[in-house]
Amino acid sequence: MVCVNCQRTIADGSNYCCICGAKQPEAASAQYVPPIVERKKLVRSINDRKIAGVCAGIADYFDIDPTIVRVIWLLATLIPGPNIIAYIVLWIVLPEGYTGAVRTPAATSS
């Protein structure tokens, strides 16, 4: 803990600074520590892939069903444009990784 007056380190939970004698605020002893939230990464799915895992990775990143992303991508390939090239580029660029709930062999053998 750091004294609010002299900026020196004092014992945690101290009401007064042992160096300058300044009263420490109540909130200083119980500081708020925000929870650590892991950022999602865009990866190709290893555990839920049909061709390359790109659609499942995109679906996991945006928290939607992979089937919806696959249908949208299929419909998008019917429209002229660089859709297939974009899929191939994502296939090459995105790293592989696990998405969603990882299935263990014990959970799938029931």
N, C-alpha and C. Protein backbone atom coordinates (compact mmCIF):
# COMPACT_ATOMS: atom_id res chain seq x y z
N MET A 1 0.85 -1.16 0.00
CA MET A 1 0.00 0.00 0.00
C MET A 1 0.90 1.23 0.00
N VAL A 2 0.46 2.30 -0.63
CA VAL A 2 1.24 3.53 -0.77
C VAL A 2 0.52 4.64 -0.01
N CYS A 3 1.27 5.42 0.75
CA CYS A 3 0.71 6.55 1.49
C CYS A 3 0.23 7.61 0.50
N VAL A 4 -0.96 8.18 0.78
CA VAL A 4 -1.52 9.19 -0.11
C VAL A 4 -0.82 10.54 0.06
N ASN A 5 -0.08 10.73 1.16
CA ASN A 5 0.58 12.00 1.43
C ASN A 5 2.04 11.99 0.96
N CYS A 6 2.83 11.03 1.45
CA CYS A 6 4.27 11.02 1.14
C CYS A 6 4.66 10.04 0.04
N GLN A 7 3.72 9.25 -0.44
CA GLN A 7 3.92 8.31 -1.55
C GLN A 7 4.96 7.22 -1.23
N ARG A 8 5.09 6.87 0.03
CA ARG A 8 6.01 5.80 0.42
C ARG A 8 5.21 4.55 0.72
N THR A 9 5.85 3.42 0.58
CA THR A 9 5.19 2.15 0.81
C THR A 9 5.00 1.92 2.30
N ILE A 10 3.75 1.57 2.68
CA ILE A 10 3.44 1.26 4.08
C ILE A 10 2.74 -0.10 4.10
N ALA A 11 2.52 -0.61 5.30
CA ALA A 11 1.89 -1.92 5.45
C ALA A 11 0.45 -1.88 4.96
N ASP A 12 0.02 -2.97 4.34
CA ASP A 12 -1.35 -3.07 3.86
C ASP A 12 -2.32 -2.99 5.03
N GLY A 13 -3.41 -2.24 4.83
CA GLY A 13 -4.44 -2.12 5.86
C GLY A 13 -4.14 -1.09 6.92
N SER A 14 -3.07 -0.31 6.78
CA SER A 14 -2.72 0.70 7.77
C SER A 14 -3.70 1.87 7.71
N ASN A 15 -4.06 2.39 8.91
CA ASN A 15 -4.94 3.55 8.98
C ASN A 15 -4.14 4.84 8.94
N TYR A 16 -2.89 4.79 9.41
CA TYR A 16 -2.00 5.95 9.44
C TYR A 16 -0.65 5.57 8.85
N CYS A 17 0.00 6.52 8.20
CA CYS A 17 1.33 6.30 7.64
C CYS A 17 2.35 6.30 8.77
N CYS A 18 3.25 5.33 8.81
CA CYS A 18 4.26 5.25 9.87
C CYS A 18 5.40 6.23 9.63
N ILE A 19 5.45 6.87 8.48
CA ILE A 19 6.54 7.80 8.16
C ILE A 19 6.10 9.24 8.39
N CYS A 20 4.97 9.64 7.79
CA CYS A 20 4.54 11.04 7.91
C CYS A 20 3.35 11.20 8.84
N GLY A 21 2.68 10.11 9.22
CA GLY A 21 1.57 10.17 10.15
C GLY A 21 0.24 10.55 9.53
N ALA A 22 0.15 10.63 8.22
CA ALA A 22 -1.09 11.03 7.55
C ALA A 22 -2.13 9.92 7.64
N LYS A 23 -3.38 10.33 7.87
CA LYS A 23 -4.47 9.36 7.92
C LYS A 23 -4.74 8.86 6.51
N GLN A 24 -4.89 7.56 6.38
CA GLN A 24 -5.15 6.94 5.09
C GLN A 24 -6.65 6.80 4.88
N PRO A 25 -7.12 7.04 3.67
CA PRO A 25 -8.57 6.89 3.43
C PRO A 25 -8.98 5.43 3.54
N GLU A 26 -10.25 5.24 3.85
CA GLU A 26 -10.79 3.88 4.02
C GLU A 26 -10.73 3.10 2.71
N ALA A 27 -10.96 3.77 1.60
CA ALA A 27 -10.99 3.09 0.30
C ALA A 27 -9.62 2.63 -0.12
N ALA A 28 -8.55 3.20 0.43
CA ALA A 28 -7.20 2.82 0.03
C ALA A 28 -6.86 1.41 0.48
N SER A 29 -7.45 0.98 1.62
CA SER A 29 -7.15 -0.37 2.11
C SER A 29 -7.93 -1.43 1.36
N ALA A 30 -9.07 -1.06 0.77
CA ALA A 30 -9.89 -2.02 0.03
C ALA A 30 -10.03 -1.55 -1.41
N GLN A 31 -8.94 -1.60 -2.15
CA GLN A 31 -8.96 -1.14 -3.52
C GLN A 31 -9.70 -2.13 -4.41
N TYR A 32 -10.40 -1.59 -5.39
CA TYR A 32 -11.12 -2.42 -6.34
C TYR A 32 -10.14 -2.98 -7.36
N VAL A 33 -10.17 -4.28 -7.53
CA VAL A 33 -9.34 -4.93 -8.54
C VAL A 33 -10.28 -5.50 -9.59
N PRO A 34 -10.22 -4.98 -10.82
CA PRO A 34 -11.13 -5.46 -11.85
C PRO A 34 -10.82 -6.91 -12.20
N PRO A 35 -11.84 -7.68 -12.55
CA PRO A 35 -11.60 -9.07 -12.92
C PRO A 35 -10.81 -9.17 -14.22
N ILE A 36 -10.00 -10.18 -14.32
CA ILE A 36 -9.21 -10.39 -15.52
C ILE A 36 -10.08 -11.11 -16.55
N VAL A 37 -10.26 -10.46 -17.68
CA VAL A 37 -11.08 -11.02 -18.75
C VAL A 37 -10.15 -11.35 -19.91
N GLU A 38 -10.19 -12.59 -20.33
CA GLU A 38 -9.35 -12.99 -21.45
C GLU A 38 -10.01 -12.59 -22.77
N ARG A 39 -9.25 -11.90 -23.60
CA ARG A 39 -9.77 -11.49 -24.90
C ARG A 39 -9.90 -12.69 -25.81
N LYS A 40 -10.98 -12.69 -26.59
CA LYS A 40 -11.14 -13.75 -27.57
C LYS A 40 -10.23 -13.51 -28.75
N LYS A 41 -9.73 -14.58 -29.32
CA LYS A 41 -8.89 -14.48 -30.50
C LYS A 41 -9.61 -15.15 -31.66
N LEU A 42 -9.43 -14.58 -32.82
CA LEU A 42 -10.01 -15.16 -34.03
C LEU A 42 -9.07 -16.25 -34.53
N VAL A 43 -9.54 -17.49 -34.46
CA VAL A 43 -8.73 -18.64 -34.87
C VAL A 43 -9.57 -19.55 -35.76
N ARG A 44 -8.87 -20.44 -36.47
CA ARG A 44 -9.57 -21.51 -37.20
C ARG A 44 -9.84 -22.63 -36.21
N SER A 45 -11.02 -23.19 -36.26
CA SER A 45 -11.41 -24.21 -35.31
C SER A 45 -10.70 -25.53 -35.59
N ILE A 46 -10.22 -26.16 -34.54
CA ILE A 46 -9.65 -27.50 -34.65
C ILE A 46 -10.72 -28.54 -34.35
N ASN A 47 -11.61 -28.23 -33.41
CA ASN A 47 -12.56 -29.23 -32.94
C ASN A 47 -13.93 -29.15 -33.61
N ASP A 48 -14.20 -28.15 -34.46
CA ASP A 48 -15.51 -28.04 -35.11
C ASP A 48 -15.34 -27.56 -36.54
N ARG A 49 -14.60 -28.32 -37.33
CA ARG A 49 -14.34 -27.89 -38.70
C ARG A 49 -15.04 -28.80 -39.70
N LYS A 50 -15.44 -28.20 -40.82
CA LYS A 50 -15.99 -28.95 -41.94
C LYS A 50 -14.98 -28.99 -43.07
N ILE A 51 -14.44 -27.83 -43.45
CA ILE A 51 -13.40 -27.77 -44.48
C ILE A 51 -12.09 -27.32 -43.85
N ALA A 52 -12.05 -26.07 -43.40
CA ALA A 52 -10.81 -25.54 -42.82
C ALA A 52 -11.01 -25.00 -41.41
N GLY A 53 -12.25 -24.88 -40.94
CA GLY A 53 -12.51 -24.36 -39.60
C GLY A 53 -12.68 -22.86 -39.55
N VAL A 54 -12.72 -22.20 -40.70
CA VAL A 54 -12.83 -20.74 -40.72
C VAL A 54 -14.20 -20.30 -40.21
N CYS A 55 -15.26 -20.91 -40.70
CA CYS A 55 -16.62 -20.51 -40.29
C CYS A 55 -16.86 -20.76 -38.81
N ALA A 56 -16.38 -21.88 -38.29
CA ALA A 56 -16.55 -22.17 -36.87
C ALA A 56 -15.74 -21.20 -36.02
N GLY A 57 -14.58 -20.80 -36.49
CA GLY A 57 -13.79 -19.81 -35.76
C GLY A 57 -14.45 -18.45 -35.73
N ILE A 58 -15.02 -18.04 -36.85
CA ILE A 58 -15.74 -16.76 -36.91
C ILE A 58 -16.98 -16.82 -36.02
N ALA A 59 -17.69 -17.94 -36.04
CA ALA A 59 -18.88 -18.09 -35.21
C ALA A 59 -18.53 -18.05 -33.73
N ASP A 60 -17.44 -18.66 -33.34
CA ASP A 60 -17.03 -18.63 -31.93
C ASP A 60 -16.61 -17.22 -31.52
N TYR A 61 -15.96 -16.49 -32.39
CA TYR A 61 -15.52 -15.14 -32.08
C TYR A 61 -16.71 -14.21 -31.84
N PHE A 62 -17.77 -14.37 -32.62
CA PHE A 62 -18.95 -13.52 -32.49
C PHE A 62 -20.06 -14.16 -31.66
N ASP A 63 -19.82 -15.31 -31.04
CA ASP A 63 -20.78 -16.03 -30.19
C ASP A 63 -22.10 -16.31 -30.89
N ILE A 64 -22.02 -16.88 -32.08
CA ILE A 64 -23.22 -17.32 -32.79
C ILE A 64 -23.02 -18.76 -33.23
N ASP A 65 -24.09 -19.36 -33.74
CA ASP A 65 -24.05 -20.75 -34.16
C ASP A 65 -23.22 -20.90 -35.44
N PRO A 66 -22.31 -21.88 -35.50
CA PRO A 66 -21.50 -22.06 -36.70
C PRO A 66 -22.32 -22.38 -37.95
N THR A 67 -23.47 -23.02 -37.79
CA THR A 67 -24.31 -23.35 -38.94
C THR A 67 -24.81 -22.08 -39.63
N ILE A 68 -25.12 -21.06 -38.84
CA ILE A 68 -25.59 -19.79 -39.42
C ILE A 68 -24.48 -19.16 -40.25
N VAL A 69 -23.26 -19.17 -39.73
CA VAL A 69 -22.13 -18.59 -40.47
C VAL A 69 -21.88 -19.39 -41.74
N ARG A 70 -21.98 -20.72 -41.67
CA ARG A 70 -21.76 -21.55 -42.86
C ARG A 70 -22.81 -21.28 -43.93
N VAL A 71 -24.06 -21.12 -43.53
CA VAL A 71 -25.13 -20.85 -44.51
C VAL A 71 -24.93 -19.46 -45.13
N ILE A 72 -24.59 -18.48 -44.31
CA ILE A 72 -24.35 -17.13 -44.84
C ILE A 72 -23.17 -17.15 -45.81
N TRP A 73 -22.11 -17.89 -45.45
CA TRP A 73 -20.95 -17.95 -46.35
C TRP A 73 -21.30 -18.67 -47.65
N LEU A 74 -22.11 -19.71 -47.56
CA LEU A 74 -22.55 -20.43 -48.76
C LEU A 74 -23.37 -19.52 -49.68
N LEU A 75 -24.29 -18.76 -49.09
CA LEU A 75 -25.08 -17.83 -49.89
C LEU A 75 -24.22 -16.71 -50.45
N ALA A 76 -23.20 -16.30 -49.72
CA ALA A 76 -22.32 -15.23 -50.20
C ALA A 76 -21.47 -15.70 -51.38
N THR A 77 -21.16 -16.98 -51.44
CA THR A 77 -20.37 -17.47 -52.57
C THR A 77 -21.18 -17.49 -53.86
N LEU A 78 -22.50 -17.47 -53.77
CA LEU A 78 -23.34 -17.42 -54.97
C LEU A 78 -23.36 -16.03 -55.59
N ILE A 79 -23.02 -15.02 -54.79
CA ILE A 79 -22.96 -13.65 -55.28
C ILE A 79 -21.55 -13.41 -55.83
N PRO A 80 -21.44 -12.87 -57.04
CA PRO A 80 -20.11 -12.64 -57.59
C PRO A 80 -19.29 -11.69 -56.71
N GLY A 81 -18.04 -12.04 -56.53
CA GLY A 81 -17.14 -11.22 -55.72
C GLY A 81 -15.99 -12.08 -55.19
N PRO A 82 -15.18 -11.50 -54.37
CA PRO A 82 -13.98 -12.20 -53.87
C PRO A 82 -14.26 -13.08 -52.65
N ASN A 83 -15.40 -13.72 -52.58
CA ASN A 83 -15.77 -14.50 -51.40
C ASN A 83 -14.90 -15.73 -51.20
N ILE A 84 -14.67 -16.48 -52.26
CA ILE A 84 -13.85 -17.69 -52.15
C ILE A 84 -12.40 -17.32 -51.88
N ILE A 85 -11.94 -16.23 -52.48
CA ILE A 85 -10.56 -15.78 -52.23
C ILE A 85 -10.41 -15.34 -50.78
N ALA A 86 -11.44 -14.68 -50.21
CA ALA A 86 -11.39 -14.26 -48.80
C ALA A 86 -11.33 -15.47 -47.89
N TYR A 87 -12.08 -16.53 -48.21
CA TYR A 87 -12.05 -17.75 -47.41
C TYR A 87 -10.65 -18.38 -47.45
N ILE A 88 -10.05 -18.43 -48.62
CA ILE A 88 -8.71 -19.02 -48.75
C ILE A 88 -7.68 -18.18 -48.00
N VAL A 89 -7.81 -16.86 -48.06
CA VAL A 89 -6.88 -15.99 -47.33
C VAL A 89 -7.03 -16.21 -45.83
N LEU A 90 -8.27 -16.29 -45.33
CA LEU A 90 -8.48 -16.56 -43.91
C LEU A 90 -7.95 -17.94 -43.53
N TRP A 91 -8.08 -18.90 -44.41
CA TRP A 91 -7.56 -20.25 -44.18
C TRP A 91 -6.04 -20.20 -43.97
N ILE A 92 -5.37 -19.37 -44.76
CA ILE A 92 -3.91 -19.27 -44.67
C ILE A 92 -3.48 -18.42 -43.47
N VAL A 93 -4.19 -17.31 -43.23
CA VAL A 93 -3.74 -16.32 -42.25
C VAL A 93 -4.09 -16.70 -40.80
N LEU A 94 -5.29 -17.22 -40.57
CA LEU A 94 -5.73 -17.48 -39.20
C LEU A 94 -4.98 -18.67 -38.60
N PRO A 95 -4.54 -18.55 -37.35
CA PRO A 95 -3.91 -19.69 -36.69
C PRO A 95 -4.97 -20.68 -36.22
N GLU A 96 -4.57 -21.92 -36.04
CA GLU A 96 -5.50 -22.93 -35.54
C GLU A 96 -5.64 -22.80 -34.03
N GLY A 97 -6.81 -23.16 -33.53
CA GLY A 97 -7.05 -23.12 -32.09
C GLY A 97 -8.38 -23.77 -31.77
N TYR A 98 -8.56 -24.08 -30.49
CA TYR A 98 -9.80 -24.70 -30.05
C TYR A 98 -10.87 -23.62 -29.89
N THR A 99 -12.09 -23.96 -30.25
CA THR A 99 -13.21 -23.03 -30.14
C THR A 99 -14.31 -23.68 -29.33
N GLY A 100 -15.11 -22.85 -28.65
CA GLY A 100 -16.25 -23.35 -27.89
C GLY A 100 -15.82 -24.28 -26.79
N ALA A 101 -16.71 -25.18 -26.43
CA ALA A 101 -16.43 -26.16 -25.40
C ALA A 101 -15.58 -27.28 -26.00
N VAL A 102 -14.45 -27.53 -25.40
CA VAL A 102 -13.56 -28.56 -25.90
C VAL A 102 -14.08 -29.91 -25.49
N ARG A 103 -14.24 -30.80 -26.44
CA ARG A 103 -14.75 -32.14 -26.17
C ARG A 103 -13.61 -33.06 -25.81
N THR A 104 -13.79 -33.78 -24.73
CA THR A 104 -12.79 -34.76 -24.31
C THR A 104 -13.26 -36.13 -24.76
N PRO A 105 -12.34 -37.09 -24.92
CA PRO A 105 -12.75 -38.43 -25.33
C PRO A 105 -13.72 -39.09 -24.35
N ALA A 106 -13.60 -38.77 -23.06
CA ALA A 106 -14.50 -39.35 -22.06
C ALA A 106 -15.92 -38.81 -22.22
N ALA A 107 -16.05 -37.55 -22.63
CA ALA A 107 -17.38 -36.94 -22.78
C ALA A 107 -18.08 -37.42 -24.05
N THR A 108 -17.34 -37.83 -25.06
CA THR A 108 -17.97 -38.24 -26.33
C THR A 108 -18.22 -39.74 -26.38
N SER A 109 -17.75 -40.50 -25.42
CA SER A 109 -17.90 -41.96 -25.47
C SER A 109 -19.18 -42.45 -24.84
N SER A 110 -20.05 -41.55 -24.37
CA SER A 110 -21.28 -41.99 -23.69
C SER A 110 -22.36 -42.39 -24.66
